[in-house]
Amino acid sequence: MDEVAAAIADPVRREILEMLHGARLTAGEIAERFEISRPAVSRHLRVLRESGLVRDEPIGRQRFYALNAEPLAELAGWIARFERPAGWAQRLDALETEIYRTRRERRQPPGERTTRENTA
């Protein structure tokens, strides 16, 4: 996971990954889109390849690069743990239920209102 995080820490490498999302490109096609040297792009591609985020396939005289997003899954899972503190999902669901119940009760005429259940 550290190698993947280090690989995507660089903005050029992230842009390369975005280019390769849904497309297979040669190193030359990738390098054309940057204002940095081709050897610099090759170094970025090497880092991405070594982290497992990019696969290369030689076809004839050209080498095509394609995205391999599988290594990002572990990192995404780790990051997802910080999106919402544990236990909050259940509390928010309970709050949502209470809001719907209160709205429903307010729409009923006063004589038809039922007593509230204690579900907490």
PDB file of N, CA and C in Angstrom:
ATOM      1  N   MET A   1       0.825  -1.188   0.000  1.00  0.00           N
ATOM      2  CA  MET A   1       0.000   0.000   0.000  1.00  0.00           C
ATOM      3  C   MET A   1       0.874   1.258   0.000  1.00  0.00           C
ATOM      4  N   ASP A   2       2.010   1.219   0.699  1.00  0.00           N
ATOM      5  CA  ASP A   2       2.905   2.377   0.733  1.00  0.00           C
ATOM      6  C   ASP A   2       3.432   2.720  -0.651  1.00  0.00           C
ATOM      7  N   GLU A   3       3.751   1.686  -1.425  1.00  0.00           N
ATOM      8  CA  GLU A   3       4.277   1.907  -2.778  1.00  0.00           C
ATOM      9  C   GLU A   3       3.218   2.561  -3.670  1.00  0.00           C
ATOM     10  N   VAL A   4       1.981   2.133  -3.520  1.00  0.00           N
ATOM     11  CA  VAL A   4       0.879   2.709  -4.301  1.00  0.00           C
ATOM     12  C   VAL A   4       0.647   4.160  -3.886  1.00  0.00           C
ATOM     13  N   ALA A   5       0.643   4.415  -2.579  1.00  0.00           N
ATOM     14  CA  ALA A   5       0.449   5.785  -2.093  1.00  0.00           C
ATOM     15  C   ALA A   5       1.580   6.691  -2.579  1.00  0.00           C
ATOM     16  N   ALA A   6       2.798   6.188  -2.570  1.00  0.00           N
ATOM     17  CA  ALA A   6       3.925   6.988  -3.051  1.00  0.00           C
ATOM     18  C   ALA A   6       3.789   7.258  -4.546  1.00  0.00           C
ATOM     19  N   ALA A   7       3.305   6.265  -5.269  1.00  0.00           N
ATOM     20  CA  ALA A   7       3.166   6.427  -6.728  1.00  0.00           C
ATOM     21  C   ALA A   7       2.131   7.491  -7.077  1.00  0.00           C
ATOM     22  N   ILE A   8       1.023   7.527  -6.349  1.00  0.00           N
ATOM     23  CA  ILE A   8      -0.024   8.493  -6.708  1.00  0.00           C
ATOM     24  C   ILE A   8       0.192   9.841  -6.031  1.00  0.00           C
ATOM     25  N   ALA A   9       1.249   9.971  -5.251  1.00  0.00           N
ATOM     26  CA  ALA A   9       1.539  11.253  -4.608  1.00  0.00           C
ATOM     27  C   ALA A   9       1.973  12.313  -5.622  1.00  0.00           C
ATOM     28  N   ASP A  10       2.479  11.886  -6.742  1.00  0.00           N
ATOM     29  CA  ASP A  10       2.966  12.825  -7.760  1.00  0.00           C
ATOM     30  C   ASP A  10       1.833  13.198  -8.719  1.00  0.00           C
ATOM     31  N   PRO A  11       1.616  14.501  -8.979  1.00  0.00           N
ATOM     32  CA  PRO A  11       0.508  14.910  -9.864  1.00  0.00           C
ATOM     33  C   PRO A  11       0.659  14.416 -11.304  1.00  0.00           C
ATOM     34  N   VAL A  12       1.883  14.288 -11.795  1.00  0.00           N
ATOM     35  CA  VAL A  12       2.068  13.788 -13.168  1.00  0.00           C
ATOM     36  C   VAL A  12       1.607  12.330 -13.235  1.00  0.00           C
ATOM     37  N   ARG A  13       1.969  11.560 -12.246  1.00  0.00           N
ATOM     38  CA  ARG A  13       1.572  10.143 -12.257  1.00  0.00           C
ATOM     39  C   ARG A  13       0.051  10.010 -12.124  1.00  0.00           C
ATOM     40  N   ARG A  14      -0.557  10.881 -11.316  1.00  0.00           N
ATOM     41  CA  ARG A  14      -2.034  10.823 -11.209  1.00  0.00           C
ATOM     42  C   ARG A  14      -2.665  11.171 -12.557  1.00  0.00           C
ATOM     43  N   GLU A  15      -2.087  12.131 -13.254  1.00  0.00           N
ATOM     44  CA  GLU A  15      -2.632  12.506 -14.562  1.00  0.00           C
ATOM     45  C   GLU A  15      -2.462  11.366 -15.566  1.00  0.00           C
ATOM     46  N   ILE A  16      -1.347  10.673 -15.490  1.00  0.00           N
ATOM     47  CA  ILE A  16      -1.139   9.516 -16.368  1.00  0.00           C
ATOM     48  C   ILE A  16      -2.199   8.457 -16.086  1.00  0.00           C
ATOM     49  N   LEU A  17      -2.472   8.215 -14.798  1.00  0.00           N
ATOM     50  CA  LEU A  17      -3.498   7.219 -14.452  1.00  0.00           C
ATOM     51  C   LEU A  17      -4.856   7.627 -15.019  1.00  0.00           C
ATOM     52  N   GLU A  18      -5.164   8.923 -14.937  1.00  0.00           N
ATOM     53  CA  GLU A  18      -6.432   9.391 -15.493  1.00  0.00           C
ATOM     54  C   GLU A  18      -6.476   9.198 -17.004  1.00  0.00           C
ATOM     55  N   MET A  19      -5.350   9.423 -17.678  1.00  0.00           N
ATOM     56  CA  MET A  19      -5.294   9.210 -19.130  1.00  0.00           C
ATOM     57  C   MET A  19      -5.538   7.754 -19.483  1.00  0.00           C
ATOM     58  N   LEU A  20      -5.008   6.875 -18.646  1.00  0.00           N
ATOM     59  CA  LEU A  20      -5.097   5.450 -18.946  1.00  0.00           C
ATOM     60  C   LEU A  20      -6.419   4.831 -18.492  1.00  0.00           C
ATOM     61  N   HIS A  21      -7.245   5.626 -17.816  1.00  0.00           N
ATOM     62  CA  HIS A  21      -8.547   5.118 -17.403  1.00  0.00           C
ATOM     63  C   HIS A  21      -9.422   4.956 -18.641  1.00  0.00           C
ATOM     64  N   GLY A  22      -9.599   3.746 -19.063  1.00  0.00           N
ATOM     65  CA  GLY A  22     -10.423   3.472 -20.236  1.00  0.00           C
ATOM     66  C   GLY A  22      -9.693   3.578 -21.553  1.00  0.00           C
ATOM     67  N   ALA A  23      -8.386   3.800 -21.525  1.00  0.00           N
ATOM     68  CA  ALA A  23      -7.631   3.906 -22.776  1.00  0.00           C
ATOM     69  C   ALA A  23      -6.279   3.220 -22.618  1.00  0.00           C
ATOM     70  N   ARG A  24      -5.801   2.680 -23.697  1.00  0.00           N
ATOM     71  CA  ARG A  24      -4.471   2.071 -23.727  1.00  0.00           C
ATOM     72  C   ARG A  24      -3.611   2.957 -24.624  1.00  0.00           C
ATOM     73  N   LEU A  25      -2.522   3.455 -24.071  1.00  0.00           N
ATOM     74  CA  LEU A  25      -1.703   4.417 -24.815  1.00  0.00           C
ATOM     75  C   LEU A  25      -0.247   3.976 -24.834  1.00  0.00           C
ATOM     76  N   THR A  26       0.474   4.441 -25.835  1.00  0.00           N
ATOM     77  CA  THR A  26       1.913   4.207 -25.889  1.00  0.00           C
ATOM     78  C   THR A  26       2.613   5.266 -25.046  1.00  0.00           C
ATOM     79  N   ALA A  27       3.866   5.025 -24.739  1.00  0.00           N
ATOM     80  CA  ALA A  27       4.635   6.000 -23.962  1.00  0.00           C
ATOM     81  C   ALA A  27       4.732   7.327 -24.724  1.00  0.00           C
ATOM     82  N   GLY A  28       4.844   7.244 -26.044  1.00  0.00           N
ATOM     83  CA  GLY A  28       4.912   8.458 -26.858  1.00  0.00           C
ATOM     84  C   GLY A  28       3.635   9.263 -26.785  1.00  0.00           C
ATOM     85  N   GLU A  29       2.485   8.580 -26.836  1.00  0.00           N
ATOM     86  CA  GLU A  29       1.200   9.278 -26.750  1.00  0.00           C
ATOM     87  C   GLU A  29       1.032   9.938 -25.383  1.00  0.00           C
ATOM     88  N   ILE A  30       1.530   9.278 -24.356  1.00  0.00           N
ATOM     89  CA  ILE A  30       1.453   9.851 -23.015  1.00  0.00           C
ATOM     90  C   ILE A  30       2.384  11.057 -22.912  1.00  0.00           C
ATOM     91  N   ALA A  31       3.594  10.915 -23.415  1.00  0.00           N
ATOM     92  CA  ALA A  31       4.592  11.987 -23.319  1.00  0.00           C
ATOM     93  C   ALA A  31       4.166  13.230 -24.075  1.00  0.00           C
ATOM     94  N   GLU A  32       3.420  13.053 -25.185  1.00  0.00           N
ATOM     95  CA  GLU A  32       2.963  14.203 -25.977  1.00  0.00           C
ATOM     96  C   GLU A  32       2.075  15.149 -25.179  1.00  0.00           C
ATOM     97  N   ARG A  33       1.435  14.638 -24.165  1.00  0.00           N
ATOM     98  CA  ARG A  33       0.469  15.433 -23.398  1.00  0.00           C
ATOM     99  C   ARG A  33       1.103  16.212 -22.245  1.00  0.00           C
ATOM    100  N   PHE A  34       2.421  16.063 -22.085  1.00  0.00           N
ATOM    101  CA  PHE A  34       3.109  16.754 -21.001  1.00  0.00           C
ATOM    102  C   PHE A  34       4.182  17.681 -21.563  1.00  0.00           C
ATOM    103  N   GLU A  35       4.504  18.692 -20.799  1.00  0.00           N
ATOM    104  CA  GLU A  35       5.589  19.591 -21.194  1.00  0.00           C
ATOM    105  C   GLU A  35       6.899  19.193 -20.532  1.00  0.00           C
ATOM    106  N   ILE A  36       6.986  18.002 -20.049  1.00  0.00           N
ATOM    107  CA  ILE A  36       8.231  17.499 -19.470  1.00  0.00           C
ATOM    108  C   ILE A  36       8.879  16.554 -20.479  1.00  0.00           C
ATOM    109  N   SER A  37      10.134  16.230 -20.255  1.00  0.00           N
ATOM    110  CA  SER A  37      10.868  15.412 -21.229  1.00  0.00           C
ATOM    111  C   SER A  37      10.337  13.973 -21.266  1.00  0.00           C
ATOM    112  N   ARG A  38      10.588  13.315 -22.387  1.00  0.00           N
ATOM    113  CA  ARG A  38      10.164  11.910 -22.521  1.00  0.00           C
ATOM    114  C   ARG A  38      10.843  11.012 -21.497  1.00  0.00           C
ATOM    115  N   PRO A  39      12.154  11.229 -21.201  1.00  0.00           N
ATOM    116  CA  PRO A  39      12.752  10.405 -20.153  1.00  0.00           C
ATOM    117  C   PRO A  39      12.078  10.594 -18.795  1.00  0.00           C
ATOM    118  N   ALA A  40      11.633  11.816 -18.522  1.00  0.00           N
ATOM    119  CA  ALA A  40      10.920  12.056 -17.257  1.00  0.00           C
ATOM    120  C   ALA A  40       9.607  11.284 -17.233  1.00  0.00           C
ATOM    121  N   VAL A  41       8.896  11.300 -18.367  1.00  0.00           N
ATOM    122  CA  VAL A  41       7.643  10.530 -18.448  1.00  0.00           C
ATOM    123  C   VAL A  41       7.941   9.040 -18.297  1.00  0.00           C
ATOM    124  N   SER A  42       9.031   8.580 -18.899  1.00  0.00           N
ATOM    125  CA  SER A  42       9.410   7.169 -18.768  1.00  0.00           C
ATOM    126  C   SER A  42       9.678   6.803 -17.311  1.00  0.00           C
ATOM    127  N   ARG A  43      10.302   7.711 -16.579  1.00  0.00           N
ATOM    128  CA  ARG A  43      10.544   7.435 -15.148  1.00  0.00           C
ATOM    129  C   ARG A  43       9.223   7.340 -14.384  1.00  0.00           C
ATOM    130  N   HIS A  44       8.297   8.230 -14.701  1.00  0.00           N
ATOM    131  CA  HIS A  44       6.983   8.157 -14.046  1.00  0.00           C
ATOM    132  C   HIS A  44       6.283   6.841 -14.399  1.00  0.00           C
ATOM    133  N   LEU A  45       6.372   6.428 -15.653  1.00  0.00           N
ATOM    134  CA  LEU A  45       5.742   5.165 -16.053  1.00  0.00           C
ATOM    135  C   LEU A  45       6.397   3.979 -15.341  1.00  0.00           C
ATOM    136  N   ARG A  46       7.706   4.056 -15.136  1.00  0.00           N
ATOM    137  CA  ARG A  46       8.411   2.976 -14.429  1.00  0.00           C
ATOM    138  C   ARG A  46       7.904   2.878 -12.992  1.00  0.00           C
ATOM    139  N   VAL A  47       7.755   4.025 -12.323  1.00  0.00           N
ATOM    140  CA  VAL A  47       7.251   4.025 -10.941  1.00  0.00           C
ATOM    141  C   VAL A  47       5.841   3.428 -10.896  1.00  0.00           C
ATOM    142  N   LEU A  48       5.001   3.830 -11.843  1.00  0.00           N
ATOM    143  CA  LEU A  48       3.635   3.303 -11.886  1.00  0.00           C
ATOM    144  C   LEU A  48       3.625   1.806 -12.170  1.00  0.00           C
ATOM    145  N   ARG A  49       4.507   1.365 -13.045  1.00  0.00           N
ATOM    146  CA  ARG A  49       4.602  -0.066 -13.376  1.00  0.00           C
ATOM    147  C   ARG A  49       5.087  -0.861 -12.167  1.00  0.00           C
ATOM    148  N   GLU A  50       6.094  -0.352 -11.466  1.00  0.00           N
ATOM    149  CA  GLU A  50       6.643  -1.057 -10.306  1.00  0.00           C
ATOM    150  C   GLU A  50       5.652  -1.112  -9.134  1.00  0.00           C
ATOM    151  N   SER A  51       4.752  -0.132  -9.056  1.00  0.00           N
ATOM    152  CA  SER A  51       3.739  -0.157  -8.000  1.00  0.00           C
ATOM    153  C   SER A  51       2.551  -1.026  -8.383  1.00  0.00           C
ATOM    154  N   GLY A  52       2.524  -1.491  -9.624  1.00  0.00           N
ATOM    155  CA  GLY A  52       1.438  -2.358 -10.083  1.00  0.00           C
ATOM    156  C   GLY A  52       0.236  -1.604 -10.609  1.00  0.00           C
ATOM    157  N   LEU A  53       0.314  -0.276 -10.677  1.00  0.00           N
ATOM    158  CA  LEU A  53      -0.830   0.508 -11.140  1.00  0.00           C
ATOM    159  C   LEU A  53      -0.957   0.546 -12.659  1.00  0.00           C
ATOM    160  N   VAL A  54       0.115   0.189 -13.356  1.00  0.00           N
ATOM    161  CA  VAL A  54       0.128   0.224 -14.819  1.00  0.00           C
ATOM    162  C   VAL A  54       0.756  -1.072 -15.329  1.00  0.00           C
ATOM    163  N   ARG A  55       0.159  -1.585 -16.379  1.00  0.00           N
ATOM    164  CA  ARG A  55       0.725  -2.758 -17.067  1.00  0.00           C
ATOM    165  C   ARG A  55       1.207  -2.286 -18.427  1.00  0.00           C
ATOM    166  N   ASP A  56       2.279  -2.878 -18.890  1.00  0.00           N
ATOM    167  CA  ASP A  56       2.724  -2.567 -20.243  1.00  0.00           C
ATOM    168  C   ASP A  56       2.730  -3.847 -21.064  1.00  0.00           C
ATOM    169  N   GLU A  57       2.412  -3.662 -22.332  1.00  0.00           N
ATOM    170  CA  GLU A  57       2.330  -4.800 -23.238  1.00  0.00           C
ATOM    171  C   GLU A  57       3.008  -4.426 -24.555  1.00  0.00           C
ATOM    172  N   PRO A  58       4.069  -5.142 -24.901  1.00  0.00           N
ATOM    173  CA  PRO A  58       4.712  -4.843 -26.188  1.00  0.00           C
ATOM    174  C   PRO A  58       3.897  -5.420 -27.342  1.00  0.00           C
ATOM    175  N   ILE A  59       3.600  -4.578 -28.300  1.00  0.00           N
ATOM    176  CA  ILE A  59       2.906  -5.010 -29.523  1.00  0.00           C
ATOM    177  C   ILE A  59       3.715  -4.455 -30.683  1.00  0.00           C
ATOM    178  N   GLY A  60       4.363  -5.363 -31.393  1.00  0.00           N
ATOM    179  CA  GLY A  60       5.243  -4.929 -32.481  1.00  0.00           C
ATOM    180  C   GLY A  60       6.392  -4.126 -31.906  1.00  0.00           C
ATOM    181  N   ARG A  61       6.584  -2.966 -32.455  1.00  0.00           N
ATOM    182  CA  ARG A  61       7.672  -2.108 -31.986  1.00  0.00           C
ATOM    183  C   ARG A  61       7.225  -1.131 -30.903  1.00  0.00           C
ATOM    184  N   GLN A  62       5.967  -1.199 -30.555  1.00  0.00           N
ATOM    185  CA  GLN A  62       5.450  -0.258 -29.563  1.00  0.00           C
ATOM    186  C   GLN A  62       5.098  -0.969 -28.256  1.00  0.00           C
ATOM    187  N   ARG A  63       5.128  -0.204 -27.187  1.00  0.00           N
ATOM    188  CA  ARG A  63       4.759  -0.715 -25.871  1.00  0.00           C
ATOM    189  C   ARG A  63       3.525   0.071 -25.413  1.00  0.00           C
ATOM    190  N   PHE A  64       2.441  -0.642 -25.193  1.00  0.00           N
ATOM    191  CA  PHE A  64       1.193  -0.007 -24.771  1.00  0.00           C
ATOM    192  C   PHE A  64       1.044  -0.117 -23.257  1.00  0.00           C
ATOM    193  N   TYR A  65       0.567   0.973 -22.659  1.00  0.00           N
ATOM    194  CA  TYR A  65       0.356   1.022 -21.219  1.00  0.00           C
ATOM    195  C   TYR A  65      -1.150   1.036 -20.934  1.00  0.00           C
ATOM    196  N   ALA A  66      -1.512   0.293 -19.894  1.00  0.00           N
ATOM    197  CA  ALA A  66      -2.920   0.229 -19.480  1.00  0.00           C
ATOM    198  C   ALA A  66      -2.992   0.320 -17.968  1.00  0.00           C
ATOM    199  N   LEU A  67      -4.089   0.861 -17.487  1.00  0.00           N
ATOM    200  CA  LEU A  67      -4.314   1.024 -16.048  1.00  0.00           C
ATOM    201  C   LEU A  67      -4.646  -0.321 -15.408  1.00  0.00           C
ATOM    202  N   ASN A  68      -4.107  -0.540 -14.231  1.00  0.00           N
ATOM    203  CA  ASN A  68      -4.484  -1.673 -13.388  1.00  0.00           C
ATOM    204  C   ASN A  68      -4.911  -1.074 -12.045  1.00  0.00           C
ATOM    205  N   ALA A  69      -6.199  -0.934 -11.842  1.00  0.00           N
ATOM    206  CA  ALA A  69      -6.709  -0.228 -10.660  1.00  0.00           C
ATOM    207  C   ALA A  69      -6.773  -1.107  -9.410  1.00  0.00           C
ATOM    208  N   GLU A  70      -6.496  -2.384  -9.538  1.00  0.00           N
ATOM    209  CA  GLU A  70      -6.603  -3.286  -8.370  1.00  0.00           C
ATOM    210  C   GLU A  70      -5.780  -2.825  -7.173  1.00  0.00           C
ATOM    211  N   PRO A  71      -4.546  -2.373  -7.341  1.00  0.00           N
ATOM    212  CA  PRO A  71      -3.784  -1.932  -6.159  1.00  0.00           C
ATOM    213  C   PRO A  71      -4.403  -0.737  -5.441  1.00  0.00           C
ATOM    214  N   LEU A  72      -5.256   0.012  -6.106  1.00  0.00           N
ATOM    215  CA  LEU A  72      -5.908   1.158  -5.465  1.00  0.00           C
ATOM    216  C   LEU A  72      -7.001   0.729  -4.489  1.00  0.00           C
ATOM    217  N   ALA A  73      -7.517  -0.491  -4.631  1.00  0.00           N
ATOM    218  CA  ALA A  73      -8.626  -0.954  -3.787  1.00  0.00           C
ATOM    219  C   ALA A  73      -8.215  -0.987  -2.317  1.00  0.00           C
ATOM    220  N   GLU A  74      -7.039  -1.499  -2.019  1.00  0.00           N
ATOM    221  CA  GLU A  74      -6.594  -1.564  -0.627  1.00  0.00           C
ATOM    222  C   GLU A  74      -6.453  -0.158  -0.043  1.00  0.00           C
ATOM    223  N   LEU A  75      -5.878   0.744  -0.829  1.00  0.00           N
ATOM    224  CA  LEU A  75      -5.704   2.119  -0.377  1.00  0.00           C
ATOM    225  C   LEU A  75      -7.065   2.800  -0.197  1.00  0.00           C
ATOM    226  N   ALA A  76      -7.982   2.562  -1.124  1.00  0.00           N
ATOM    227  CA  ALA A  76      -9.321   3.150  -1.020  1.00  0.00           C
ATOM    228  C   ALA A  76     -10.035   2.637   0.224  1.00  0.00           C
ATOM    229  N   GLY A  77      -9.888   1.359   0.543  1.00  0.00           N
ATOM    230  CA  GLY A  77     -10.486   0.794   1.747  1.00  0.00           C
ATOM    231  C   GLY A  77      -9.932   1.427   3.007  1.00  0.00           C
ATOM    232  N   TRP A  78      -8.646   1.656   3.011  1.00  0.00           N
ATOM    233  CA  TRP A  78      -8.017   2.281   4.172  1.00  0.00           C
ATOM    234  C   TRP A  78      -8.520   3.719   4.343  1.00  0.00           C
ATOM    235  N   ILE A  79      -8.606   4.461   3.250  1.00  0.00           N
ATOM    236  CA  ILE A  79      -9.073   5.850   3.298  1.00  0.00           C
ATOM    237  C   ILE A  79     -10.543   5.906   3.719  1.00  0.00           C
ATOM    238  N   ALA A  80     -11.334   4.950   3.271  1.00  0.00           N
ATOM    239  CA  ALA A  80     -12.767   4.943   3.588  1.00  0.00           C
ATOM    240  C   ALA A  80     -13.010   4.858   5.090  1.00  0.00           C
ATOM    241  N   ARG A  81     -12.083   4.283   5.835  1.00  0.00           N
ATOM    242  CA  ARG A  81     -12.256   4.182   7.286  1.00  0.00           C
ATOM    243  C   ARG A  81     -12.306   5.553   7.948  1.00  0.00           C
ATOM    244  N   PHE A  82     -11.794   6.578   7.275  1.00  0.00           N
ATOM    245  CA  PHE A  82     -11.742   7.923   7.850  1.00  0.00           C
ATOM    246  C   PHE A  82     -12.884   8.819   7.380  1.00  0.00           C
ATOM    247  N   GLU A  83     -13.703   8.299   6.480  1.00  0.00           N
ATOM    248  CA  GLU A  83     -14.785   9.118   5.951  1.00  0.00           C
ATOM    249  C   GLU A  83     -15.815   9.461   7.014  1.00  0.00           C
ATOM    250  N   ARG A  84     -16.155   8.524   7.882  1.00  0.00           N
ATOM    251  CA  ARG A  84     -17.155   8.754   8.900  1.00  0.00           C
ATOM    252  C   ARG A  84     -16.736   7.966  10.138  1.00  0.00           C
ATOM    253  N   PRO A  85     -16.742   8.587  11.297  1.00  0.00           N
ATOM    254  CA  PRO A  85     -16.361   7.861  12.506  1.00  0.00           C
ATOM    255  C   PRO A  85     -17.270   6.652  12.730  1.00  0.00           C
ATOM    256  N   ALA A  86     -16.693   5.591  13.281  1.00  0.00           N
ATOM    257  CA  ALA A  86     -17.448   4.369  13.532  1.00  0.00           C
ATOM    258  C   ALA A  86     -18.631   4.665  14.444  1.00  0.00           C
ATOM    259  N   GLY A  87     -19.756   4.053  14.186  1.00  0.00           N
ATOM    260  CA  GLY A  87     -20.935   4.222  15.001  1.00  0.00           C
ATOM    261  C   GLY A  87     -21.842   5.352  14.562  1.00  0.00           C
ATOM    262  N   TRP A  88     -21.308   6.290  13.797  1.00  0.00           N
ATOM    263  CA  TRP A  88     -22.117   7.421  13.353  1.00  0.00           C
ATOM    264  C   TRP A  88     -23.181   7.003  12.355  1.00  0.00           C
ATOM    265  N   ALA A  89     -22.901   6.024  11.538  1.00  0.00           N
ATOM    266  CA  ALA A  89     -23.878   5.595  10.541  1.00  0.00           C
ATOM    267  C   ALA A  89     -25.163   5.149  11.211  1.00  0.00           C
ATOM    268  N   GLN A  90     -25.035   4.369  12.275  1.00  0.00           N
ATOM    269  CA  GLN A  90     -26.221   3.889  12.975  1.00  0.00           C
ATOM    270  C   GLN A  90     -26.974   5.058  13.623  1.00  0.00           C
ATOM    271  N   ARG A  91     -26.243   5.990  14.204  1.00  0.00           N
ATOM    272  CA  ARG A  91     -26.889   7.145  14.841  1.00  0.00           C
ATOM    273  C   ARG A  91     -27.586   8.030  13.817  1.00  0.00           C
ATOM    274  N   LEU A  92     -26.967   8.215  12.685  1.00  0.00           N
ATOM    275  CA  LEU A  92     -27.595   9.032  11.641  1.00  0.00           C
ATOM    276  C   LEU A  92     -28.833   8.344  11.083  1.00  0.00           C
ATOM    277  N   ASP A  93     -28.777   7.013  10.954  1.00  0.00           N
ATOM    278  CA  ASP A  93     -29.964   6.279  10.504  1.00  0.00           C
ATOM    279  C   ASP A  93     -31.106   6.451  11.497  1.00  0.00           C
ATOM    280  N   ALA A  94     -30.801   6.400  12.790  1.00  0.00           N
ATOM    281  CA  ALA A  94     -31.831   6.572  13.827  1.00  0.00           C
ATOM    282  C   ALA A  94     -32.405   7.986  13.762  1.00  0.00           C
ATOM    283  N   LEU A  95     -31.551   8.974  13.550  1.00  0.00           N
ATOM    284  CA  LEU A  95     -32.017  10.361  13.430  1.00  0.00           C
ATOM    285  C   LEU A  95     -32.926  10.517  12.212  1.00  0.00           C
ATOM    286  N   GLU A  96     -32.544   9.922  11.091  1.00  0.00           N
ATOM    287  CA  GLU A  96     -33.353   9.990   9.877  1.00  0.00           C
ATOM    288  C   GLU A  96     -34.721   9.362  10.114  1.00  0.00           C
ATOM    289  N   THR A  97     -34.755   8.225  10.781  1.00  0.00           N
ATOM    290  CA  THR A  97     -36.020   7.557  11.102  1.00  0.00           C
ATOM    291  C   THR A  97     -36.898   8.455  11.962  1.00  0.00           C
ATOM    292  N   GLU A  98     -36.301   9.102  12.948  1.00  0.00           N
ATOM    293  CA  GLU A  98     -37.057   9.987  13.837  1.00  0.00           C
ATOM    294  C   GLU A  98     -37.612  11.197  13.088  1.00  0.00           C
ATOM    295  N   ILE A  99     -36.838  11.735  12.170  1.00  0.00           N
ATOM    296  CA  ILE A  99     -37.313  12.884  11.377  1.00  0.00           C
ATOM    297  C   ILE A  99     -38.511  12.483  10.521  1.00  0.00           C
ATOM    298  N   TYR A 100     -38.444  11.325   9.867  1.00  0.00           N
ATOM    299  CA  TYR A 100     -39.569  10.865   9.043  1.00  0.00           C
ATOM    300  C   TYR A 100     -40.809  10.633   9.902  1.00  0.00           C
ATOM    301  N   ARG A 101     -40.620  10.057  11.077  1.00  0.00           N
ATOM    302  CA  ARG A 101     -41.745   9.770  11.965  1.00  0.00           C
ATOM    303  C   ARG A 101     -42.396  11.076  12.420  1.00  0.00           C
ATOM    304  N   THR A 102     -41.594  12.066  12.779  1.00  0.00           N
ATOM    305  CA  THR A 102     -42.134  13.356  13.232  1.00  0.00           C
ATOM    306  C   THR A 102     -42.895  14.047  12.105  1.00  0.00           C
ATOM    307  N   ARG A 103     -42.340  14.025  10.908  1.00  0.00           N
ATOM    308  CA  ARG A 103     -43.038  14.639   9.756  1.00  0.00           C
ATOM    309  C   ARG A 103     -44.373  13.954   9.493  1.00  0.00           C
ATOM    310  N   ARG A 104     -44.372  12.628   9.552  1.00  0.00           N
ATOM    311  CA  ARG A 104     -45.597  11.877   9.304  1.00  0.00           C
ATOM    312  C   ARG A 104     -46.641  12.224  10.353  1.00  0.00           C
ATOM    313  N   GLU A 105     -46.246  12.336  11.619  1.00  0.00           N
ATOM    314  CA  GLU A 105     -47.188  12.649  12.689  1.00  0.00           C
ATOM    315  C   GLU A 105     -47.749  14.056  12.548  1.00  0.00           C
ATOM    316  N   ARG A 106     -46.931  14.992  12.075  1.00  0.00           N
ATOM    317  CA  ARG A 106     -47.403  16.377  11.929  1.00  0.00           C
ATOM    318  C   ARG A 106     -48.419  16.515  10.793  1.00  0.00           C
ATOM    319  N   ARG A 107     -48.326  15.616   9.799  1.00  0.00           N
ATOM    320  CA  ARG A 107     -49.278  15.682   8.681  1.00  0.00           C
ATOM    321  C   ARG A 107     -50.647  15.117   9.046  1.00  0.00           C
ATOM    322  N   GLN A 108     -50.720  14.301  10.094  1.00  0.00           N
ATOM    323  CA  GLN A 108     -51.988  13.696  10.490  1.00  0.00           C
ATOM    324  C   GLN A 108     -52.814  14.723  11.274  1.00  0.00           C
ATOM    325  N   PRO A 109     -54.130  14.700  11.102  1.00  0.00           N
ATOM    326  CA  PRO A 109     -54.990  15.581  11.904  1.00  0.00           C
ATOM    327  C   PRO A 109     -54.816  15.262  13.383  1.00  0.00           C
ATOM    328  N   PRO A 110     -54.987  16.265  14.273  1.00  0.00           N
ATOM    329  CA  PRO A 110     -54.724  16.082  15.710  1.00  0.00           C
ATOM    330  C   PRO A 110     -55.454  14.906  16.326  1.00  0.00           C
ATOM    331  N   GLY A 111     -56.683  14.627  15.933  1.00  0.00           N
ATOM    332  CA  GLY A 111     -57.439  13.530  16.528  1.00  0.00           C
ATOM    333  C   GLY A 111     -56.939  12.158  16.113  1.00  0.00           C
ATOM    334  N   GLU A 112     -56.225  12.083  15.010  1.00  0.00           N
ATOM    335  CA  GLU A 112     -55.773  10.786  14.500  1.00  0.00           C
ATOM    336  C   GLU A 112     -54.342  10.450  14.900  1.00  0.00           C
ATOM    337  N   ARG A 113     -53.698  11.328  15.578  1.00  0.00           N
ATOM    338  CA  ARG A 113     -52.298  11.088  15.955  1.00  0.00           C
ATOM    339  C   ARG A 113     -52.213   9.930  16.931  1.00  0.00           C
ATOM    340  N   THR A 114     -51.239   9.094  16.708  1.00  0.00           N
ATOM    341  CA  THR A 114     -51.029   7.938  17.582  1.00  0.00           C
ATOM    342  C   THR A 114     -49.895   8.246  18.544  1.00  0.00           C
ATOM    343  N   THR A 115     -49.866   7.489  19.605  1.00  0.00           N
ATOM    344  CA  THR A 115     -48.755   7.680  20.543  1.00  0.00           C
ATOM    345  C   THR A 115     -47.480   7.138  19.940  1.00  0.00           C
ATOM    346  N   ARG A 116     -46.368   7.722  20.314  1.00  0.00           N
ATOM    347  CA  ARG A 116     -45.079   7.342  19.756  1.00  0.00           C
ATOM    348  C   ARG A 116     -44.576   6.065  20.387  1.00  0.00           C
ATOM    349  N   GLU A 117     -43.978   5.249  19.562  1.00  0.00           N
ATOM    350  CA  GLU A 117     -43.345   4.042  20.075  1.00  0.00           C
ATOM    351  C   GLU A 117     -41.966   4.405  20.584  1.00  0.00           C
ATOM    352  N   ASN A 118     -41.574   3.740  21.605  1.00  0.00           N
ATOM    353  CA  ASN A 118     -40.221   3.950  22.126  1.00  0.00           C
ATOM    354  C   ASN A 118     -39.317   2.887  21.524  1.00  0.00           C
ATOM    355  N   THR A 119     -38.619   3.246  20.469  1.00  0.00           N
ATOM    356  CA  THR A 119     -37.757   2.278  19.776  1.00  0.00           C
ATOM    357  C   THR A 119     -36.293   2.483  20.082  1.00  0.00           C
ATOM    358  N   ALA A 120     -35.977   3.483  20.873  1.00  0.00           N
ATOM    359  CA  ALA A 120     -34.563   3.749  21.138  1.00  0.00           C
ATOM    360  C   ALA A 120     -33.946   2.717  22.046  1.00  0.00           C
TER     361      ALA A 120
END
